Every structure is written in structure tokens, then in C-alpha cells.
């Protein structure tokens, strides 16, 4: 069990920033586009990938990831499930 400390949150936030930079660079989108309310597939899919990788690579909860990407935790849950489904196909 991981104890949440300020240091752990700092590390997870840095990991989250690295994930965001990598995905934005890979899909040629800016963070402003990623943080927008756009539902366009070329924006929404990379956003879902960020959420999925954040869930896989950090100990952040759905609400915490949602706070960092400006989305509701149920949106994060849906995004993670969508990417998991794509990976299974």
C-alpha cells in the first residue's frame, strides 16, 4: 500500500506532465487543445491515452487524474475503458 505524501504527489505530478508532453508530441496537438472541451477524435483520443497512461503509470485516482486534465472522474473512467478496449482488439 502506498502512503500518499506531498513527495509522492510531486513525483506523480511530474510523471503526469511527462506523459502529457509525450502524447502531445506524438499526436501533434498542443496542451491547450488537449485541455479544451473538444470532442473531435483527433483531440479526444490522445486525451484518453493520457488518462489511460496516467492510471497505469501513477497511483493517481480517477478524480485526481480528472482534476489534472480538467475533466470529471467519470470521463477519465470512460477514457481508460475505451483505450483498454482498443488494446484488446
C-alpha atoms as a PDB file:
ATOM      1  CA  UNK A   1       0.000   0.000   0.000  1.00  0.00           C
ATOM      2  CA  UNK A   2       1.361   3.395  -0.983  1.00  0.00           C
ATOM      3  CA  UNK A   3       1.156   6.147   1.564  1.00  0.00           C
ATOM      4  CA  UNK A   4       0.218   9.432  -0.112  1.00  0.00           C
ATOM      5  CA  UNK A   5       2.657  12.130   0.839  1.00  0.00           C
ATOM      6  CA  UNK A   6       3.478  15.503  -0.620  1.00  0.00           C
ATOM      7  CA  UNK A   7       6.618  13.950  -2.120  1.00  0.00           C
ATOM      8  CA  UNK A   8       4.633  11.110  -3.748  1.00  0.00           C
ATOM      9  CA  UNK A   9       2.160  13.600  -5.210  1.00  0.00           C
ATOM     10  CA  UNK A  10       5.068  15.652  -6.581  1.00  0.00           C
ATOM     11  CA  UNK A  11       6.547  12.571  -8.262  1.00  0.00           C
ATOM     12  CA  UNK A  12       3.171  11.520  -9.694  1.00  0.00           C
ATOM     13  CA  UNK A  13       2.529  15.047 -10.982  1.00  0.00           C
ATOM     14  CA  UNK A  14       5.927  15.069 -12.710  1.00  0.00           C
ATOM     15  CA  UNK A  15       5.147  11.674 -14.255  1.00  0.00           C
ATOM     16  CA  UNK A  16       1.782  13.032 -15.394  1.00  0.00           C
ATOM     17  CA  UNK A  17       3.491  16.043 -17.019  1.00  0.00           C
ATOM     18  CA  UNK A  18       5.914  13.720 -18.835  1.00  0.00           C
ATOM     19  CA  UNK A  19       3.001  11.614 -20.120  1.00  0.00           C
ATOM     20  CA  UNK A  20       1.193  14.735 -21.335  1.00  0.00           C
ATOM     21  CA  UNK A  21       4.272  16.049 -23.157  1.00  0.00           C
ATOM     22  CA  UNK A  22       4.952  12.700 -24.837  1.00  0.00           C
ATOM     23  CA  UNK A  23       1.374  12.180 -26.009  1.00  0.00           C
ATOM     24  CA  UNK A  24       1.007  15.779 -27.230  1.00  0.00           C
ATOM     25  CA  UNK A  25       4.252  15.453 -29.189  1.00  0.00           C
ATOM     26  CA  UNK A  26       3.284  12.072 -30.659  1.00  0.00           C
ATOM     27  CA  UNK A  27      -0.124  13.275 -31.846  1.00  0.00           C
ATOM     28  CA  UNK A  28       0.970  16.813 -32.797  1.00  0.00           C
ATOM     29  CA  UNK A  29      -1.531  18.568 -30.545  1.00  0.00           C
ATOM     30  CA  UNK A  30      -0.956  21.369 -28.073  1.00  0.00           C
ATOM     31  CA  UNK A  31      -1.794  21.133 -24.410  1.00  0.00           C
ATOM     32  CA  UNK A  32      -4.349  23.910 -24.963  1.00  0.00           C
ATOM     33  CA  UNK A  33      -6.160  21.712 -27.494  1.00  0.00           C
ATOM     34  CA  UNK A  34      -5.891  18.734 -25.159  1.00  0.00           C
ATOM     35  CA  UNK A  35      -7.371  20.710 -22.246  1.00  0.00           C
ATOM     36  CA  UNK A  36     -10.205  22.088 -24.389  1.00  0.00           C
ATOM     37  CA  UNK A  37     -13.761  20.775 -24.422  1.00  0.00           C
ATOM     38  CA  UNK A  38     -13.273  19.499 -27.972  1.00  0.00           C
ATOM     39  CA  UNK A  39     -14.825  16.133 -28.717  1.00  0.00           C
ATOM     40  CA  UNK A  40     -13.056  15.832 -32.063  1.00  0.00           C
ATOM     41  CA  UNK A  41     -11.498  12.400 -32.355  1.00  0.00           C
ATOM     42  CA  UNK A  42      -8.028  13.773 -33.123  1.00  0.00           C
ATOM     43  CA  UNK A  43      -8.141  15.582 -29.758  1.00  0.00           C
ATOM     44  CA  UNK A  44     -10.272  13.220 -27.657  1.00  0.00           C
ATOM     45  CA  UNK A  45      -8.309  10.048 -28.429  1.00  0.00           C
ATOM     46  CA  UNK A  46      -4.916  11.435 -27.309  1.00  0.00           C
ATOM     47  CA  UNK A  47      -6.656  12.829 -24.213  1.00  0.00           C
ATOM     48  CA  UNK A  48      -7.954   9.332 -23.446  1.00  0.00           C
ATOM     49  CA  UNK A  49      -4.452   7.939 -23.921  1.00  0.00           C
ATOM     50  CA  UNK A  50      -3.110  10.456 -21.404  1.00  0.00           C
ATOM     51  CA  UNK A  51      -5.772   9.378 -18.913  1.00  0.00           C
ATOM     52  CA  UNK A  52      -5.052   5.688 -19.504  1.00  0.00           C
ATOM     53  CA  UNK A  53      -1.284   6.078 -19.153  1.00  0.00           C
ATOM     54  CA  UNK A  54      -1.710   8.208 -16.040  1.00  0.00           C
ATOM     55  CA  UNK A  55      -3.830   5.479 -14.477  1.00  0.00           C
ATOM     56  CA  UNK A  56      -1.348   2.760 -15.474  1.00  0.00           C
ATOM     57  CA  UNK A  57       1.885   4.568 -14.587  1.00  0.00           C
ATOM     58  CA  UNK A  58       0.899   6.524 -11.476  1.00  0.00           C
ATOM     59  CA  UNK A  59      -1.037   5.861  -8.305  1.00  0.00           C
ATOM     60  CA  UNK A  60      -3.397   8.729  -9.095  1.00  0.00           C
ATOM     61  CA  UNK A  61      -7.107   8.054  -8.682  1.00  0.00           C
ATOM     62  CA  UNK A  62      -9.704   8.798 -11.361  1.00  0.00           C
ATOM     63  CA  UNK A  63     -10.740  12.040  -9.604  1.00  0.00           C
ATOM     64  CA  UNK A  64      -7.102  13.137  -9.255  1.00  0.00           C
ATOM     65  CA  UNK A  65      -6.418  12.489 -12.944  1.00  0.00           C
ATOM     66  CA  UNK A  66      -9.626  14.311 -13.796  1.00  0.00           C
ATOM     67  CA  UNK A  67      -8.506  17.327 -11.782  1.00  0.00           C
ATOM     68  CA  UNK A  68      -5.180  17.387 -13.628  1.00  0.00           C
ATOM     69  CA  UNK A  69      -6.727  17.179 -17.096  1.00  0.00           C
ATOM     70  CA  UNK A  70      -9.776  19.295 -16.311  1.00  0.00           C
ATOM     71  CA  UNK A  71     -12.329  16.517 -16.723  1.00  0.00           C
ATOM     72  CA  UNK A  72     -14.813  14.734 -14.459  1.00  0.00           C
ATOM     73  CA  UNK A  73     -13.678  11.420 -12.989  1.00  0.00           C
ATOM     74  CA  UNK A  74     -16.340   9.541 -14.953  1.00  0.00           C
ATOM     75  CA  UNK A  75     -14.856  10.950 -18.167  1.00  0.00           C
ATOM     76  CA  UNK A  76     -11.478   9.591 -17.062  1.00  0.00           C
ATOM     77  CA  UNK A  77     -13.030   6.195 -16.328  1.00  0.00           C
ATOM     78  CA  UNK A  78     -14.695   6.128 -19.770  1.00  0.00           C
ATOM     79  CA  UNK A  79     -11.429   7.152 -21.468  1.00  0.00           C
ATOM     80  CA  UNK A  80      -9.441   4.444 -19.707  1.00  0.00           C
ATOM     81  CA  UNK A  81     -12.009   1.812 -20.618  1.00  0.00           C
ATOM     82  CA  UNK A  82     -12.041   2.957 -24.250  1.00  0.00           C
ATOM     83  CA  UNK A  83      -8.265   2.587 -24.545  1.00  0.00           C
ATOM     84  CA  UNK A  84      -8.319  -0.787 -22.755  1.00  0.00           C
ATOM     85  CA  UNK A  85     -10.932  -1.985 -25.256  1.00  0.00           C
ATOM     86  CA  UNK A  86      -8.821  -0.745 -28.191  1.00  0.00           C
ATOM     87  CA  UNK A  87      -5.793  -2.597 -26.842  1.00  0.00           C
ATOM     88  CA  UNK A  88      -7.759  -5.847 -26.574  1.00  0.00           C
ATOM     89  CA  UNK A  89      -8.902  -5.677 -30.200  1.00  0.00           C
END
